[in-house]
Structure formats: structure tokens, C-alpha cells
Amino acid sequence: MRLMISAVAAIALIAVAISMQRSRPPSIELSAASMPSLNEFHETVGVNQLPFQGVEDQALIYPAGTEQ
């Protein structure tokens, strides 16, 4: 009796695993294809019109730890 219950449970588990692999939502494939490229996105938003912001190198302000 236990062997039969284990066999049915194993078959059900395999069936569920196979059905989950086959059923992929189509929205995942479509969402990646419908996204604009990075250049198109920057042109749409107007990134090129933003002012330039320089970043200072702070490596000399915070040097590495000293040896003791």
C-alpha cells in the first residue's frame, strides 16, 4: 500500500514539474522585445540636454590605512 501511494505521488510530482516547464508566460518574451534601446531611451528623455557634472577624485583625501 505504501509503495503504491509513493508511486502515485512520484508520478504526480513529475507531471507537475513537466507542466510547469511547458507553461511559460508569453509576457516575459514580449517585454524584452518591446523595450527600446538605451540610445532611444536617452534621446526620448533628453539626457543630452542635462548639464555636465564633474566628479572629483577623492583618493588623496582618503588615503589607504597606515601600517602599524
N, C-alpha and C. Protein backbone atom coordinates (compact mmCIF):
# COMPACT_ATOMS: atom_id res chain seq x y z
N MET A 1 0.82 -1.19 0.00
CA MET A 1 0.00 0.00 0.00
C MET A 1 0.87 1.26 0.00
N ARG A 2 1.91 1.27 0.85
CA ARG A 2 2.79 2.44 0.90
C ARG A 2 3.52 2.64 -0.42
N LEU A 3 3.91 1.53 -1.03
CA LEU A 3 4.61 1.62 -2.31
C LEU A 3 3.72 2.21 -3.38
N MET A 4 2.46 1.88 -3.37
CA MET A 4 1.52 2.41 -4.36
C MET A 4 1.29 3.91 -4.15
N ILE A 5 1.18 4.33 -2.91
CA ILE A 5 0.99 5.75 -2.61
C ILE A 5 2.24 6.53 -3.03
N SER A 6 3.40 5.99 -2.75
CA SER A 6 4.66 6.65 -3.14
C SER A 6 4.78 6.75 -4.66
N ALA A 7 4.37 5.71 -5.37
CA ALA A 7 4.43 5.73 -6.83
C ALA A 7 3.48 6.77 -7.40
N VAL A 8 2.27 6.87 -6.86
CA VAL A 8 1.30 7.86 -7.35
C VAL A 8 1.81 9.27 -7.05
N ALA A 9 2.40 9.47 -5.86
CA ALA A 9 2.92 10.79 -5.51
C ALA A 9 4.08 11.16 -6.43
N ALA A 10 4.95 10.21 -6.74
CA ALA A 10 6.08 10.48 -7.63
C ALA A 10 5.60 10.82 -9.03
N ILE A 11 4.62 10.11 -9.53
CA ILE A 11 4.08 10.39 -10.87
C ILE A 11 3.41 11.76 -10.90
N ALA A 12 2.68 12.10 -9.83
CA ALA A 12 2.04 13.42 -9.77
C ALA A 12 3.09 14.53 -9.73
N LEU A 13 4.16 14.31 -8.98
CA LEU A 13 5.22 15.31 -8.89
C LEU A 13 5.91 15.50 -10.24
N ILE A 14 6.16 14.44 -10.95
CA ILE A 14 6.78 14.53 -12.28
C ILE A 14 5.85 15.25 -13.25
N ALA A 15 4.55 14.94 -13.17
CA ALA A 15 3.58 15.60 -14.06
C ALA A 15 3.52 17.10 -13.79
N VAL A 16 3.55 17.48 -12.53
CA VAL A 16 3.51 18.92 -12.19
C VAL A 16 4.79 19.60 -12.67
N ALA A 17 5.93 18.96 -12.50
CA ALA A 17 7.20 19.56 -12.93
C ALA A 17 7.22 19.74 -14.44
N ILE A 18 6.73 18.78 -15.18
CA ILE A 18 6.70 18.89 -16.64
C ILE A 18 5.75 19.99 -17.09
N SER A 19 4.59 20.07 -16.45
CA SER A 19 3.63 21.10 -16.85
C SER A 19 4.12 22.50 -16.51
N MET A 20 4.89 22.64 -15.43
CA MET A 20 5.42 23.95 -15.07
C MET A 20 6.49 24.39 -16.06
N GLN A 21 7.27 23.45 -16.58
CA GLN A 21 8.30 23.81 -17.55
C GLN A 21 7.69 24.23 -18.87
N ARG A 22 6.59 23.63 -19.23
CA ARG A 22 5.96 23.96 -20.52
C ARG A 22 5.22 25.28 -20.49
N SER A 23 4.67 25.65 -19.35
CA SER A 23 3.84 26.86 -19.29
C SER A 23 4.68 28.05 -18.87
N ARG A 24 5.19 28.76 -19.84
CA ARG A 24 5.92 30.00 -19.59
C ARG A 24 5.04 31.15 -20.03
N PRO A 25 4.95 32.19 -19.22
CA PRO A 25 4.12 33.33 -19.61
C PRO A 25 4.72 34.03 -20.83
N PRO A 26 3.91 34.31 -21.84
CA PRO A 26 4.43 34.97 -23.04
C PRO A 26 4.84 36.41 -22.79
N SER A 27 4.41 36.99 -21.67
CA SER A 27 4.74 38.39 -21.40
C SER A 27 6.23 38.57 -21.16
N ILE A 28 6.94 37.53 -20.70
CA ILE A 28 8.37 37.66 -20.47
C ILE A 28 9.10 37.85 -21.79
N GLU A 29 8.76 37.05 -22.78
CA GLU A 29 9.42 37.16 -24.07
C GLU A 29 9.04 38.47 -24.76
N LEU A 30 7.80 38.88 -24.64
CA LEU A 30 7.35 40.10 -25.32
C LEU A 30 7.89 41.35 -24.66
N SER A 31 8.06 41.35 -23.34
CA SER A 31 8.51 42.56 -22.67
C SER A 31 9.95 42.90 -23.05
N ALA A 32 10.80 41.90 -23.23
CA ALA A 32 12.18 42.18 -23.62
C ALA A 32 12.25 42.68 -25.06
N ALA A 33 11.38 42.17 -25.92
CA ALA A 33 11.40 42.58 -27.32
C ALA A 33 10.82 43.98 -27.50
N SER A 34 9.91 44.39 -26.62
CA SER A 34 9.25 45.68 -26.79
C SER A 34 10.00 46.82 -26.12
N MET A 35 11.06 46.54 -25.39
CA MET A 35 11.82 47.61 -24.73
C MET A 35 12.65 48.38 -25.76
N PRO A 36 12.70 49.70 -25.64
CA PRO A 36 13.53 50.47 -26.57
C PRO A 36 15.00 50.30 -26.21
N SER A 37 15.86 50.58 -27.16
CA SER A 37 17.29 50.50 -26.89
C SER A 37 17.68 51.64 -25.95
N LEU A 38 18.85 51.53 -25.38
CA LEU A 38 19.31 52.55 -24.43
C LEU A 38 19.48 53.90 -25.11
N ASN A 39 19.96 53.91 -26.34
CA ASN A 39 20.11 55.17 -27.06
C ASN A 39 18.76 55.83 -27.33
N GLU A 40 17.78 55.04 -27.74
CA GLU A 40 16.44 55.60 -27.97
C GLU A 40 15.84 56.16 -26.69
N PHE A 41 16.06 55.46 -25.59
CA PHE A 41 15.54 55.93 -24.31
C PHE A 41 16.18 57.26 -23.91
N HIS A 42 17.49 57.39 -24.09
CA HIS A 42 18.18 58.63 -23.74
C HIS A 42 17.72 59.79 -24.62
N GLU A 43 17.48 59.51 -25.90
CA GLU A 43 17.00 60.57 -26.80
C GLU A 43 15.59 61.01 -26.42
N THR A 44 14.75 60.07 -26.04
CA THR A 44 13.38 60.39 -25.66
C THR A 44 13.33 61.22 -24.40
N VAL A 45 14.13 60.87 -23.42
CA VAL A 45 14.12 61.56 -22.14
C VAL A 45 14.85 62.90 -22.22
N GLY A 46 15.83 63.01 -23.11
CA GLY A 46 16.58 64.26 -23.25
C GLY A 46 17.80 64.30 -22.34
N VAL A 47 18.47 63.20 -22.18
CA VAL A 47 19.64 63.13 -21.31
C VAL A 47 20.75 64.05 -21.81
N ASN A 48 20.85 64.22 -23.11
CA ASN A 48 21.93 65.05 -23.67
C ASN A 48 21.76 66.52 -23.31
N GLN A 49 20.60 66.94 -22.87
CA GLN A 49 20.37 68.34 -22.52
C GLN A 49 20.71 68.65 -21.07
N LEU A 50 21.04 67.64 -20.27
CA LEU A 50 21.39 67.87 -18.87
C LEU A 50 22.78 68.49 -18.77
N PRO A 51 23.01 69.32 -17.74
CA PRO A 51 24.34 69.91 -17.59
C PRO A 51 25.35 68.84 -17.14
N PHE A 52 26.61 69.05 -17.52
CA PHE A 52 27.67 68.12 -17.16
C PHE A 52 28.03 68.30 -15.70
N GLN A 53 28.18 67.23 -14.97
CA GLN A 53 28.59 67.28 -13.58
C GLN A 53 29.90 66.53 -13.43
N GLY A 54 30.93 67.25 -13.04
CA GLY A 54 32.23 66.62 -12.84
C GLY A 54 32.30 65.92 -11.48
N VAL A 55 33.05 64.87 -11.40
CA VAL A 55 33.23 64.14 -10.15
C VAL A 55 34.70 64.25 -9.78
N GLU A 56 34.95 64.70 -8.56
CA GLU A 56 36.33 64.86 -8.11
C GLU A 56 36.86 63.53 -7.59
N ASP A 57 38.13 63.30 -7.85
CA ASP A 57 38.78 62.10 -7.34
C ASP A 57 39.17 62.35 -5.89
N GLN A 58 38.65 61.56 -4.97
CA GLN A 58 38.92 61.75 -3.55
C GLN A 58 39.92 60.73 -3.02
N ALA A 59 40.70 60.13 -3.90
CA ALA A 59 41.67 59.14 -3.46
C ALA A 59 42.75 59.76 -2.57
N LEU A 60 43.09 61.03 -2.81
CA LEU A 60 44.11 61.67 -2.00
C LEU A 60 43.55 62.17 -0.67
N ILE A 61 42.28 62.43 -0.60
CA ILE A 61 41.66 62.90 0.63
C ILE A 61 41.55 61.75 1.63
N TYR A 62 41.24 60.56 1.14
CA TYR A 62 41.07 59.39 2.00
C TYR A 62 42.09 58.34 1.61
N PRO A 63 43.34 58.50 2.06
CA PRO A 63 44.36 57.51 1.66
C PRO A 63 44.13 56.16 2.35
N ALA A 64 44.81 55.17 1.85
CA ALA A 64 44.71 53.82 2.44
C ALA A 64 45.24 53.86 3.87
N GLY A 65 44.86 52.87 4.67
CA GLY A 65 45.26 52.82 6.08
C GLY A 65 46.78 52.74 6.26
N THR A 66 47.27 53.24 7.37
CA THR A 66 48.70 53.25 7.64
C THR A 66 49.12 51.94 8.30
N GLU A 67 50.36 51.58 8.10
CA GLU A 67 50.89 50.36 8.72
C GLU A 67 51.24 50.63 10.16
N GLN A 68 51.02 49.65 11.02
CA GLN A 68 51.35 49.83 12.45
C GLN A 68 52.28 48.75 12.90
